[in-house]
Amino acid sequence: MANDLEIHDLHVEVEGKEILRGINLTVNKGEVHAVMGPNGSGKSTLANTLLGHPHYVVTQGDILYKGNSVLELKPDERARAGMFLAFQYPHSVSGVTVANFLRTALNAKRKERMNGDFKPIPIPEFRKLMREKMKLLKLDESFATRYLNEGFSGGEKKRTEILQMAVLEPEIAILDETDSGLDIDGVRIVSQGVNSLQGPNLGILIITHYQRILNYIKPNFVHVLVKGKIAVEGGPELAHKLEEQGYDWVIKQVTE
């Protein structure tokens, strides 16, 4: 049986400069992986490449989802297939409410799954679903009528990203520095939301600079990215070692 997400010898360039230099990583449903590393190590490049951002050019290697390469798939096609990216800096969409955005995205995913038998989710059914997910994430129902991320605080934006994940129910979720810009309470609340969605049908790849979010979301595996390569791998204890000792000892191993 094929793994859910497999990254093979992935090399990526941005504007002609090589950023990722041979990444190998496997993520399956039911697992939580953390990718850590200092600034400029290629963490966000990895996240954006996985979901097909056109500015990131794959020059070598492959990304397999359920055994099939996704390199030729557009970002929306990867999303409809079951992949999800929570952005480090979510964009505002003026004039589009959170509810309308979520219903449109959910219908696009349903259409992919149901082929010719597609019918849009009835509005009452969608409202019930959204309220259930908002309650699970401790979000006020007024969020549904606000324009997407417009005037939202950093914490509200990140919680709305997790709401999207809850409604769309991806099989592989990539969380790109979900803790950035959040205070301690914000990290805790967002982490609780992620934890409420964990289970055997979801694989999570958390990309983070700091260990603090991993105090709340417990990873099964930790991978340390330095200069575009995975330099060290281990279990949750590796994240604690990085918190105590920093990244210098890892960087030294790469440069020696």
C-alpha atoms as a PDB file:
ATOM      1  CA  MET A   1       0.000   0.000   0.000  1.00  0.00           C
ATOM      2  CA  ALA A   2       1.292   3.443  -0.946  1.00  0.00           C
ATOM      3  CA  ASN A   3       2.157   5.996   1.710  1.00  0.00           C
ATOM      4  CA  ASP A   4      -0.125   9.006   1.928  1.00  0.00           C
ATOM      5  CA  LEU A   5       2.565  11.632   1.278  1.00  0.00           C
ATOM      6  CA  GLU A   6       6.043  10.812   0.026  1.00  0.00           C
ATOM      7  CA  ILE A   7       8.726  13.364  -0.776  1.00  0.00           C
ATOM      8  CA  HIS A   8      11.585  11.901  -2.795  1.00  0.00           C
ATOM      9  CA  ASP A   9      14.925  13.675  -3.310  1.00  0.00           C
ATOM     10  CA  LEU A  10      13.145  17.016  -3.685  1.00  0.00           C
ATOM     11  CA  HIS A  11      15.201  19.877  -5.153  1.00  0.00           C
ATOM     12  CA  VAL A  12      13.528  23.278  -5.497  1.00  0.00           C
ATOM     13  CA  GLU A  13      14.634  26.594  -6.962  1.00  0.00           C
ATOM     14  CA  VAL A  14      13.242  30.078  -6.429  1.00  0.00           C
ATOM     15  CA  GLU A  15      14.252  32.683  -9.026  1.00  0.00           C
ATOM     16  CA  GLY A  16      17.126  30.445 -10.134  1.00  0.00           C
ATOM     17  CA  LYS A  17      18.480  29.890  -6.617  1.00  0.00           C
ATOM     18  CA  GLU A  18      18.384  26.378  -5.175  1.00  0.00           C
ATOM     19  CA  ILE A  19      16.618  26.390  -1.788  1.00  0.00           C
ATOM     20  CA  LEU A  20      15.803  22.719  -1.185  1.00  0.00           C
ATOM     21  CA  ARG A  21      18.633  20.301  -1.908  1.00  0.00           C
ATOM     22  CA  GLY A  22      17.284  16.768  -1.665  1.00  0.00           C
ATOM     23  CA  ILE A  23      14.423  16.357   0.829  1.00  0.00           C
ATOM     24  CA  ASN A  24      13.176  12.867   1.674  1.00  0.00           C
ATOM     25  CA  LEU A  25      10.159  12.627   3.955  1.00  0.00           C
ATOM     26  CA  THR A  26       7.099  10.394   4.397  1.00  0.00           C
ATOM     27  CA  VAL A  27       3.889  11.384   6.211  1.00  0.00           C
ATOM     28  CA  ASN A  28       0.969   9.008   6.730  1.00  0.00           C
ATOM     29  CA  LYS A  29      -2.504   9.552   8.119  1.00  0.00           C
ATOM     30  CA  GLY A  30      -2.603   9.320  11.885  1.00  0.00           C
ATOM     31  CA  GLU A  31       0.922  10.743  12.214  1.00  0.00           C
ATOM     32  CA  VAL A  32       2.152  14.162  13.324  1.00  0.00           C
ATOM     33  CA  HIS A  33       5.496  15.296  11.878  1.00  0.00           C
ATOM     34  CA  ALA A  34       7.306  18.495  12.821  1.00  0.00           C
ATOM     35  CA  VAL A  35       9.804  20.169  10.499  1.00  0.00           C
ATOM     36  CA  MET A  36      11.981  22.593  12.432  1.00  0.00           C
ATOM     37  CA  GLY A  37      14.927  24.730  11.446  1.00  0.00           C
ATOM     38  CA  PRO A  38      16.506  28.182  11.641  1.00  0.00           C
ATOM     39  CA  ASN A  39      15.323  31.094   9.517  1.00  0.00           C
ATOM     40  CA  GLY A  40      16.214  30.676   5.854  1.00  0.00           C
ATOM     41  CA  SER A  41      16.528  26.914   6.022  1.00  0.00           C
ATOM     42  CA  GLY A  42      13.765  26.292   3.461  1.00  0.00           C
ATOM     43  CA  LYS A  43      10.802  25.430   5.692  1.00  0.00           C
ATOM     44  CA  SER A  44       8.232  27.676   3.995  1.00  0.00           C
ATOM     45  CA  THR A  45       9.647  26.732   0.588  1.00  0.00           C
ATOM     46  CA  LEU A  46       8.828  23.125   1.418  1.00  0.00           C
ATOM     47  CA  ALA A  47       5.266  24.018   2.452  1.00  0.00           C
ATOM     48  CA  ASN A  48       4.573  26.084  -0.646  1.00  0.00           C
ATOM     49  CA  THR A  49       6.101  23.510  -2.958  1.00  0.00           C
ATOM     50  CA  LEU A  50       3.944  20.723  -1.547  1.00  0.00           C
ATOM     51  CA  LEU A  51       0.796  22.643  -2.494  1.00  0.00           C
ATOM     52  CA  GLY A  52       2.089  23.736  -5.902  1.00  0.00           C
ATOM     53  CA  HIS A  53       2.935  27.440  -5.573  1.00  0.00           C
ATOM     54  CA  PRO A  54       4.073  28.431  -9.097  1.00  0.00           C
ATOM     55  CA  HIS A  55       7.062  30.489  -7.896  1.00  0.00           C
ATOM     56  CA  TYR A  56       8.722  27.348  -6.520  1.00  0.00           C
ATOM     57  CA  VAL A  57      10.268  25.249  -9.292  1.00  0.00           C
ATOM     58  CA  VAL A  58      10.946  21.554  -8.723  1.00  0.00           C
ATOM     59  CA  THR A  59      14.176  20.719 -10.572  1.00  0.00           C
ATOM     60  CA  GLN A  60      14.620  17.178  -9.292  1.00  0.00           C
ATOM     61  CA  GLY A  61      12.720  14.569  -7.293  1.00  0.00           C
ATOM     62  CA  ASP A  62       9.020  13.996  -6.808  1.00  0.00           C
ATOM     63  CA  ILE A  63       6.036  14.511  -4.496  1.00  0.00           C
ATOM     64  CA  LEU A  64       3.703  11.527  -4.305  1.00  0.00           C
ATOM     65  CA  TYR A  65       0.228  11.629  -2.799  1.00  0.00           C
ATOM     66  CA  LYS A  66      -1.315   8.181  -2.376  1.00  0.00           C
ATOM     67  CA  GLY A  67       1.286   6.825  -4.761  1.00  0.00           C
ATOM     68  CA  ASN A  68       0.696   9.324  -7.561  1.00  0.00           C
ATOM     69  CA  SER A  69       2.887  12.291  -8.485  1.00  0.00           C
ATOM     70  CA  VAL A  70       1.242  15.687  -7.912  1.00  0.00           C
ATOM     71  CA  LEU A  71       3.891  17.758  -9.681  1.00  0.00           C
ATOM     72  CA  GLU A  72       1.617  18.380 -12.664  1.00  0.00           C
ATOM     73  CA  LEU A  73      -1.405  19.229 -10.493  1.00  0.00           C
ATOM     74  CA  LYS A  74      -2.404  22.840  -9.813  1.00  0.00           C
ATOM     75  CA  PRO A  75      -2.837  23.992  -6.194  1.00  0.00           C
ATOM     76  CA  ASP A  76      -6.645  23.715  -6.338  1.00  0.00           C
ATOM     77  CA  GLU A  77      -6.372  20.184  -7.759  1.00  0.00           C
ATOM     78  CA  ARG A  78      -4.083  19.142  -4.906  1.00  0.00           C
ATOM     79  CA  ALA A  79      -6.503  20.701  -2.416  1.00  0.00           C
ATOM     80  CA  ARG A  80      -9.506  18.924  -3.910  1.00  0.00           C
ATOM     81  CA  ALA A  81      -7.572  15.653  -3.756  1.00  0.00           C
ATOM     82  CA  GLY A  82      -7.190  15.997   0.017  1.00  0.00           C
ATOM     83  CA  MET A  83      -4.118  18.141   0.700  1.00  0.00           C
ATOM     84  CA  PHE A  84      -4.335  21.334   2.781  1.00  0.00           C
ATOM     85  CA  LEU A  85      -2.014  24.236   3.574  1.00  0.00           C
ATOM     86  CA  ALA A  86      -2.522  26.600   6.509  1.00  0.00           C
ATOM     87  CA  PHE A  87      -0.637  29.748   5.542  1.00  0.00           C
ATOM     88  CA  GLN A  88       1.923  31.523   7.666  1.00  0.00           C
ATOM     89  CA  TYR A  89       0.426  34.852   6.550  1.00  0.00           C
ATOM     90  CA  PRO A  90      -3.227  34.298   5.530  1.00  0.00           C
ATOM     91  CA  HIS A  91      -4.553  36.818   3.004  1.00  0.00           C
ATOM     92  CA  SER A  92      -7.683  38.921   3.422  1.00  0.00           C
ATOM     93  CA  VAL A  93     -10.483  38.535   0.879  1.00  0.00           C
ATOM     94  CA  SER A  94     -12.711  41.588   0.911  1.00  0.00           C
ATOM     95  CA  GLY A  95     -16.363  41.035   0.058  1.00  0.00           C
ATOM     96  CA  VAL A  96     -16.291  37.265   0.648  1.00  0.00           C
ATOM     97  CA  THR A  97     -17.643  36.043   3.975  1.00  0.00           C
ATOM     98  CA  VAL A  98     -16.052  33.174   5.842  1.00  0.00           C
ATOM     99  CA  ALA A  99     -19.242  31.145   5.354  1.00  0.00           C
ATOM    100  CA  ASN A 100     -19.406  31.706   1.590  1.00  0.00           C
ATOM    101  CA  PHE A 101     -15.710  30.944   1.193  1.00  0.00           C
ATOM    102  CA  LEU A 102     -16.009  27.693   3.136  1.00  0.00           C
ATOM    103  CA  ARG A 103     -19.162  26.536   1.345  1.00  0.00           C
ATOM    104  CA  THR A 104     -17.585  27.206  -2.071  1.00  0.00           C
ATOM    105  CA  ALA A 105     -14.423  25.304  -1.100  1.00  0.00           C
ATOM    106  CA  LEU A 106     -16.408  22.417   0.353  1.00  0.00           C
ATOM    107  CA  ASN A 107     -18.563  22.131  -2.764  1.00  0.00           C
ATOM    108  CA  ALA A 108     -15.442  22.057  -4.950  1.00  0.00           C
ATOM    109  CA  LYS A 109     -14.101  19.164  -2.894  1.00  0.00           C
ATOM    110  CA  ARG A 110     -17.449  17.330  -2.943  1.00  0.00           C
ATOM    111  CA  LYS A 111     -17.565  17.695  -6.721  1.00  0.00           C
ATOM    112  CA  GLU A 112     -14.139  16.041  -6.974  1.00  0.00           C
ATOM    113  CA  ARG A 113     -15.241  13.106  -4.829  1.00  0.00           C
ATOM    114  CA  MET A 114     -18.708  12.584  -6.292  1.00  0.00           C
ATOM    115  CA  ASN A 115     -17.813  12.900  -9.980  1.00  0.00           C
ATOM    116  CA  GLY A 116     -20.996  13.142 -12.085  1.00  0.00           C
ATOM    117  CA  ASP A 117     -23.342  12.696  -9.099  1.00  0.00           C
ATOM    118  CA  PHE A 118     -22.364  16.034  -7.574  1.00  0.00           C
ATOM    119  CA  LYS A 119     -24.930  18.135  -5.770  1.00  0.00           C
ATOM    120  CA  PRO A 120     -23.996  21.242  -3.739  1.00  0.00           C
ATOM    121  CA  ILE A 121     -24.307  20.817   0.008  1.00  0.00           C
ATOM    122  CA  PRO A 122     -27.723  22.166   1.082  1.00  0.00           C
ATOM    123  CA  ILE A 123     -27.441  25.447   2.965  1.00  0.00           C
ATOM    124  CA  PRO A 124     -29.126  24.146   6.166  1.00  0.00           C
ATOM    125  CA  GLU A 125     -26.755  21.139   6.209  1.00  0.00           C
ATOM    126  CA  PHE A 126     -23.751  23.402   5.671  1.00  0.00           C
ATOM    127  CA  ARG A 127     -24.813  25.796   8.433  1.00  0.00           C
ATOM    128  CA  LYS A 128     -25.181  22.887  10.851  1.00  0.00           C
ATOM    129  CA  LEU A 129     -21.731  21.568   9.886  1.00  0.00           C
ATOM    130  CA  MET A 130     -20.094  24.970  10.224  1.00  0.00           C
ATOM    131  CA  ARG A 131     -21.673  25.622  13.618  1.00  0.00           C
ATOM    132  CA  GLU A 132     -20.468  22.235  14.867  1.00  0.00           C
ATOM    133  CA  LYS A 133     -16.913  22.944  13.739  1.00  0.00           C
ATOM    134  CA  MET A 134     -16.944  26.487  15.141  1.00  0.00           C
ATOM    135  CA  LYS A 135     -18.150  25.180  18.478  1.00  0.00           C
ATOM    136  CA  LEU A 136     -15.410  22.549  18.430  1.00  0.00           C
ATOM    137  CA  LEU A 137     -12.815  25.291  17.822  1.00  0.00           C
ATOM    138  CA  LYS A 138     -14.442  27.715  20.292  1.00  0.00           C
ATOM    139  CA  LEU A 139     -15.112  30.298  17.583  1.00  0.00           C
ATOM    140  CA  ASP A 140     -17.932  32.800  17.913  1.00  0.00           C
ATOM    141  CA  GLU A 141     -20.637  32.256  15.277  1.00  0.00           C
ATOM    142  CA  SER A 142     -20.282  35.897  14.196  1.00  0.00           C
ATOM    143  CA  PHE A 143     -17.086  34.826  12.394  1.00  0.00           C
ATOM    144  CA  ALA A 144     -19.205  33.255   9.688  1.00  0.00           C
ATOM    145  CA  THR A 145     -20.559  36.608   8.500  1.00  0.00           C
ATOM    146  CA  ARG A 146     -17.251  38.487   8.514  1.00  0.00           C
ATOM    147  CA  TYR A 147     -15.182  39.001   5.376  1.00  0.00           C
ATOM    148  CA  LEU A 148     -12.386  36.451   5.229  1.00  0.00           C
ATOM    149  CA  ASN A 149      -9.479  37.639   7.410  1.00  0.00           C
ATOM    150  CA  GLU A 150     -10.435  41.312   6.934  1.00  0.00           C
ATOM    151  CA  GLY A 151      -9.687  43.122  10.200  1.00  0.00           C
ATOM    152  CA  PHE A 152      -8.882  39.829  11.913  1.00  0.00           C
ATOM    153  CA  SER A 153      -6.217  39.683  14.583  1.00  0.00           C
ATOM    154  CA  GLY A 154      -3.304  37.308  14.073  1.00  0.00           C
ATOM    155  CA  GLY A 155      -4.949  34.755  16.334  1.00  0.00           C
ATOM    156  CA  GLU A 156      -8.305  35.045  14.553  1.00  0.00           C
ATOM    157  CA  LYS A 157      -6.650  34.489  11.176  1.00  0.00           C
ATOM    158  CA  LYS A 158      -4.899  31.348  12.388  1.00  0.00           C
ATOM    159  CA  ARG A 159      -8.052  29.988  14.025  1.00  0.00           C
ATOM    160  CA  THR A 160      -9.941  30.605  10.791  1.00  0.00           C
ATOM    161  CA  GLU A 161      -7.305  28.549   8.954  1.00  0.00           C
ATOM    162  CA  ILE A 162      -7.961  25.683  11.360  1.00  0.00           C
ATOM    163  CA  LEU A 163     -11.712  26.139  10.827  1.00  0.00           C
ATOM    164  CA  GLN A 164     -11.114  25.659   7.099  1.00  0.00           C
ATOM    165  CA  MET A 165      -9.220  22.478   7.896  1.00  0.00           C
ATOM    166  CA  ALA A 166     -12.067  21.266  10.110  1.00  0.00           C
ATOM    167  CA  VAL A 167     -14.718  21.860   7.446  1.00  0.00           C
ATOM    168  CA  LEU A 168     -12.742  20.511   4.470  1.00  0.00           C
ATOM    169  CA  GLU A 169     -11.415  17.442   6.331  1.00  0.00           C
ATOM    170  CA  PRO A 170      -8.156  16.961   4.380  1.00  0.00           C
ATOM    171  CA  GLU A 171      -6.134  13.784   4.650  1.00  0.00           C
ATOM    172  CA  ILE A 172      -2.784  15.593   4.743  1.00  0.00           C
ATOM    173  CA  ALA A 173      -2.489  19.029   6.394  1.00  0.00           C
ATOM    174  CA  ILE A 174       0.618  21.209   6.207  1.00  0.00           C
ATOM    175  CA  LEU A 175       0.708  23.921   8.884  1.00  0.00           C
ATOM    176  CA  ASP A 176       3.249  26.578   7.906  1.00  0.00           C
ATOM    177  CA  GLU A 177       4.416  28.367  11.072  1.00  0.00           C
ATOM    178  CA  THR A 178       0.901  28.447  12.459  1.00  0.00           C
ATOM    179  CA  ASP A 179       2.352  29.776  15.726  1.00  0.00           C
ATOM    180  CA  SER A 180       4.057  32.819  14.174  1.00  0.00           C
ATOM    181  CA  GLY A 181       2.679  36.140  15.406  1.00  0.00           C
ATOM    182  CA  LEU A 182       0.704  34.525  18.232  1.00  0.00           C
ATOM    183  CA  ASP A 183       1.064  35.142  21.947  1.00  0.00           C
ATOM    184  CA  ILE A 184       1.091  32.248  24.406  1.00  0.00           C
ATOM    185  CA  ASP A 185      -2.705  32.169  24.715  1.00  0.00           C
ATOM    186  CA  GLY A 186      -3.057  32.258  20.932  1.00  0.00           C
ATOM    187  CA  VAL A 187      -0.676  29.316  20.502  1.00  0.00           C
ATOM    188  CA  ARG A 188      -2.606  27.330  23.092  1.00  0.00           C
ATOM    189  CA  ILE A 189      -6.016  28.033  21.538  1.00  0.00           C
ATOM    190  CA  VAL A 190      -4.892  27.252  17.983  1.00  0.00           C
ATOM    191  CA  SER A 191      -3.129  24.095  19.176  1.00  0.00           C
ATOM    192  CA  GLN A 192      -6.269  22.919  20.949  1.00  0.00           C
ATOM    193  CA  GLY A 193      -8.121  23.361  17.668  1.00  0.00           C
ATOM    194  CA  VAL A 194      -5.550  21.268  15.789  1.00  0.00           C
ATOM    195  CA  ASN A 195      -5.604  18.597  18.500  1.00  0.00           C
ATOM    196  CA  SER A 196      -9.395  18.359  18.279  1.00  0.00           C
ATOM    197  CA  LEU A 197      -9.024  17.360  14.596  1.00  0.00           C
ATOM    198  CA  GLN A 198      -6.313  14.738  15.083  1.00  0.00           C
ATOM    199  CA  GLY A 199      -7.170  11.151  14.292  1.00  0.00           C
ATOM    200  CA  PRO A 200      -6.506   8.164  12.044  1.00  0.00           C
ATOM    201  CA  ASN A 201      -7.790   9.965   8.927  1.00  0.00           C
ATOM    202  CA  LEU A 202      -5.466  12.984   9.129  1.00  0.00           C
ATOM    203  CA  GLY A 203      -1.712  13.289   8.718  1.00  0.00           C
ATOM    204  CA  ILE A 204      -0.180  16.553   9.945  1.00  0.00           C
ATOM    205  CA  LEU A 205       3.087  18.217   8.968  1.00  0.00           C
ATOM    206  CA  ILE A 206       3.851  21.143  11.293  1.00  0.00           C
ATOM    207  CA  ILE A 207       6.496  23.561  10.082  1.00  0.00           C
ATOM    208  CA  THR A 208       7.837  25.722  12.898  1.00  0.00           C
ATOM    209  CA  HIS A 209      10.856  27.683  14.045  1.00  0.00           C
ATOM    210  CA  TYR A 210      10.143  27.330  17.759  1.00  0.00           C
ATOM    211  CA  GLN A 211       9.446  24.364  19.980  1.00  0.00           C
ATOM    212  CA  ARG A 212       6.645  26.088  21.915  1.00  0.00           C
ATOM    213  CA  ILE A 213       3.736  24.892  19.727  1.00  0.00           C
ATOM    214  CA  LEU A 214       5.049  21.351  20.142  1.00  0.00           C
ATOM    215  CA  ASN A 215       4.325  21.647  23.865  1.00  0.00           C
ATOM    216  CA  TYR A 216       0.661  21.445  22.855  1.00  0.00           C
ATOM    217  CA  ILE A 217       0.701  19.460  19.584  1.00  0.00           C
ATOM    218  CA  LYS A 218       2.790  16.385  20.269  1.00  0.00           C
ATOM    219  CA  PRO A 219       4.724  15.182  17.200  1.00  0.00           C
ATOM    220  CA  ASN A 220       5.554  11.560  16.528  1.00  0.00           C
ATOM    221  CA  PHE A 221       8.576  12.560  14.442  1.00  0.00           C
ATOM    222  CA  VAL A 222      10.806  15.646  14.295  1.00  0.00           C
ATOM    223  CA  HIS A 223      12.921  16.594  11.261  1.00  0.00           C
ATOM    224  CA  VAL A 224      15.468  19.420  11.356  1.00  0.00           C
ATOM    225  CA  LEU A 225      15.946  21.322   8.112  1.00  0.00           C
ATOM    226  CA  VAL A 226      19.225  23.189   7.621  1.00  0.00           C
ATOM    227  CA  LYS A 227      20.399  24.785   4.377  1.00  0.00           C
ATOM    228  CA  GLY A 228      17.776  22.969   2.339  1.00  0.00           C
ATOM    229  CA  LYS A 229      18.479  19.484   3.697  1.00  0.00           C
ATOM    230  CA  ILE A 230      17.135  17.392   6.560  1.00  0.00           C
ATOM    231  CA  ALA A 231      20.146  17.249   8.826  1.00  0.00           C
ATOM    232  CA  VAL A 232      18.798  15.432  11.894  1.00  0.00           C
ATOM    233  CA  GLU A 233      15.697  13.350  12.609  1.00  0.00           C
ATOM    234  CA  GLY A 234      14.248  11.932  15.787  1.00  0.00           C
ATOM    235  CA  GLY A 235      11.299  11.789  18.150  1.00  0.00           C
ATOM    236  CA  PRO A 236       9.690  14.481  20.337  1.00  0.00           C
ATOM    237  CA  GLU A 237      12.790  14.643  22.512  1.00  0.00           C
ATOM    238  CA  LEU A 238      14.688  16.223  19.608  1.00  0.00           C
ATOM    239  CA  ALA A 239      12.446  19.295  19.765  1.00  0.00           C
ATOM    240  CA  HIS A 240      13.273  19.730  23.453  1.00  0.00           C
ATOM    241  CA  LYS A 241      16.985  19.423  22.723  1.00  0.00           C
ATOM    242  CA  LEU A 242      16.685  22.195  20.113  1.00  0.00           C
ATOM    243  CA  GLU A 243      14.835  24.376  22.602  1.00  0.00           C
ATOM    244  CA  GLU A 244      17.638  23.927  25.114  1.00  0.00           C
ATOM    245  CA  GLN A 245      20.658  24.056  22.809  1.00  0.00           C
ATOM    246  CA  GLY A 246      19.479  25.951  19.711  1.00  0.00           C
ATOM    247  CA  TYR A 247      20.421  25.045  16.145  1.00  0.00           C
ATOM    248  CA  ASP A 248      24.174  25.726  16.237  1.00  0.00           C
ATOM    249  CA  TRP A 249      25.112  22.102  16.883  1.00  0.00           C
ATOM    250  CA  VAL A 250      23.017  20.979  13.900  1.00  0.00           C
ATOM    251  CA  ILE A 251      24.409  23.690  11.613  1.00  0.00           C
ATOM    252  CA  LYS A 252      27.915  22.663  12.629  1.00  0.00           C
ATOM    253  CA  GLN A 253      27.228  19.061  11.554  1.00  0.00           C
ATOM    254  CA  VAL A 254      26.067  20.265   8.126  1.00  0.00           C
ATOM    255  CA  THR A 255      29.051  22.551   7.513  1.00  0.00           C
ATOM    256  CA  GLU A 256      31.713  20.110   8.689  1.00  0.00           C
END
